[in-house]
Protein backbone atom coordinates (compact mmCIF):
# COMPACT_ATOMS: atom_id res chain seq x y z
CA MET A 1 -10.16 -9.04 -0.23
CA VAL A 2 -11.54 -8.32 -3.71
CA GLU A 3 -14.22 -10.97 -3.29
CA THR A 4 -15.24 -9.59 0.10
CA ILE A 5 -15.48 -6.00 -1.10
CA PHE A 6 -16.94 -6.69 -4.54
CA GLY A 7 -19.36 -9.21 -3.03
CA CYS A 8 -20.78 -6.58 -0.68
CA LYS A 9 -23.35 -4.63 -2.63
CA TRP A 10 -22.97 -1.61 -0.35
CA SER A 11 -19.21 -1.10 -0.82
CA LEU A 12 -19.64 0.13 -4.38
CA THR A 13 -22.45 2.41 -3.23
CA VAL A 14 -20.23 3.83 -0.49
CA TYR A 15 -17.46 4.54 -3.01
CA GLN A 16 -19.97 6.37 -5.20
CA LEU A 17 -21.20 8.42 -2.25
CA LEU A 18 -17.62 9.37 -1.34
CA ALA A 19 -16.95 10.37 -4.95
CA ASN A 20 -20.00 12.65 -4.70
CA GLY A 21 -18.68 14.31 -1.54
CA ILE A 22 -20.91 12.46 0.93
CA ASN A 23 -18.45 11.33 3.59
CA ARG A 24 -20.37 11.22 6.86
CA PRO A 25 -22.15 8.00 7.89
CA GLY A 26 -25.47 9.63 8.80
CA GLU A 27 -25.56 11.44 5.49
CA MET A 28 -24.80 8.16 3.67
CA VAL A 29 -27.71 6.36 5.35
CA ARG A 30 -30.09 9.21 4.50
CA SER A 31 -28.90 9.26 0.89
CA VAL A 32 -29.49 5.57 0.09
CA GLU A 33 -32.84 3.87 0.48
CA GLY A 34 -32.50 0.47 2.15
CA LEU A 35 -29.09 1.15 3.69
CA THR A 36 -29.14 0.75 7.47
CA THR A 37 -26.69 2.18 9.98
CA LYS A 38 -25.67 -1.32 11.12
CA VAL A 39 -24.88 -2.55 7.60
CA LEU A 40 -23.11 0.70 6.71
CA ASN A 41 -20.92 0.52 9.82
CA GLU A 42 -19.92 -3.07 9.00
CA CYS A 43 -19.11 -2.07 5.44
CA LEU A 44 -17.08 0.98 6.51
CA LYS A 45 -15.21 -1.01 9.16
CA ARG A 46 -14.27 -3.72 6.63
CA ASN A 47 -13.04 -1.09 4.14
CA VAL A 48 -10.96 0.61 6.83
CA GLN A 49 -9.43 -2.75 7.84
CA PHE A 50 -8.42 -3.41 4.23
CA GLY A 51 -6.88 0.07 3.97
CA ILE A 52 -9.30 1.27 1.30
CA LEU A 53 -10.89 3.95 3.45
CA GLU A 54 -9.59 6.09 6.29
CA ARG A 55 -11.75 7.02 9.27
CA ILE A 56 -11.23 10.57 10.52
CA THR A 57 -12.60 11.40 13.95
CA TYR A 58 -12.93 15.05 14.94
CA ASN A 59 -12.71 15.99 18.61
CA GLU A 60 -15.96 17.97 18.67
CA VAL A 61 -19.25 17.95 20.51
CA PRO A 62 -21.27 16.29 19.12
CA PRO A 63 -18.64 13.86 17.75
CA ARG A 64 -18.07 13.99 14.02
CA VAL A 65 -16.68 11.16 11.87
CA GLU A 66 -15.83 11.32 8.19
CA TYR A 67 -14.41 8.79 5.76
CA THR A 68 -12.00 9.35 2.90
CA VAL A 69 -10.50 7.11 0.26
CA THR A 70 -6.82 6.26 0.85
CA THR A 71 -4.16 6.26 -1.86
CA PHE A 72 -4.41 2.47 -1.96
CA GLY A 73 -8.20 2.78 -2.05
CA THR A 74 -8.03 5.00 -5.13
CA LYS A 75 -5.99 2.34 -6.94
CA PHE A 76 -8.30 -0.42 -5.73
CA ILE A 77 -11.45 1.41 -6.85
CA ARG A 78 -9.90 1.91 -10.31
CA ILE A 79 -9.44 -1.86 -10.55
CA LEU A 80 -13.08 -2.42 -9.51
CA ASP A 81 -14.17 0.05 -12.18
CA GLU A 82 -12.25 -1.95 -14.79
CA LEU A 83 -13.83 -5.20 -13.54
CA GLU A 84 -17.25 -3.60 -13.87
CA LYS A 85 -16.46 -2.51 -17.44
CA LEU A 86 -15.26 -6.03 -18.25
CA GLN A 87 -18.49 -7.48 -16.85
CA SER A 88 -20.52 -5.07 -19.01
CA ASP A 89 -18.55 -6.12 -22.08
CA ILE A 90 -19.17 -9.78 -21.31
CA GLU A 91 -22.91 -9.17 -20.86
CA CYS A 92 -23.08 -7.23 -24.16
CA ASP A 93 -21.37 -10.07 -26.05
CA VAL A 94 -23.83 -12.68 -24.77
């Protein structure tokens, strides 16, 4: 799971967007140059399957979907942050 999520360059971007209050897919695509709807949907689906994100569908017209980080996701993202810090430390030592 870690390899799949960390290996996807868009997952970390999605987590950053969510941290900045951008939780709707259309808004995410507009906020990041190079991110396509297809790739974003695959990324979001994978994160929901792993239990990192939760998909909330509102019964409105037009339909509205938002994503939030789950409790497990919060813990997981903290671990990724620590891995990123470790990688930075390794790169600084080289």
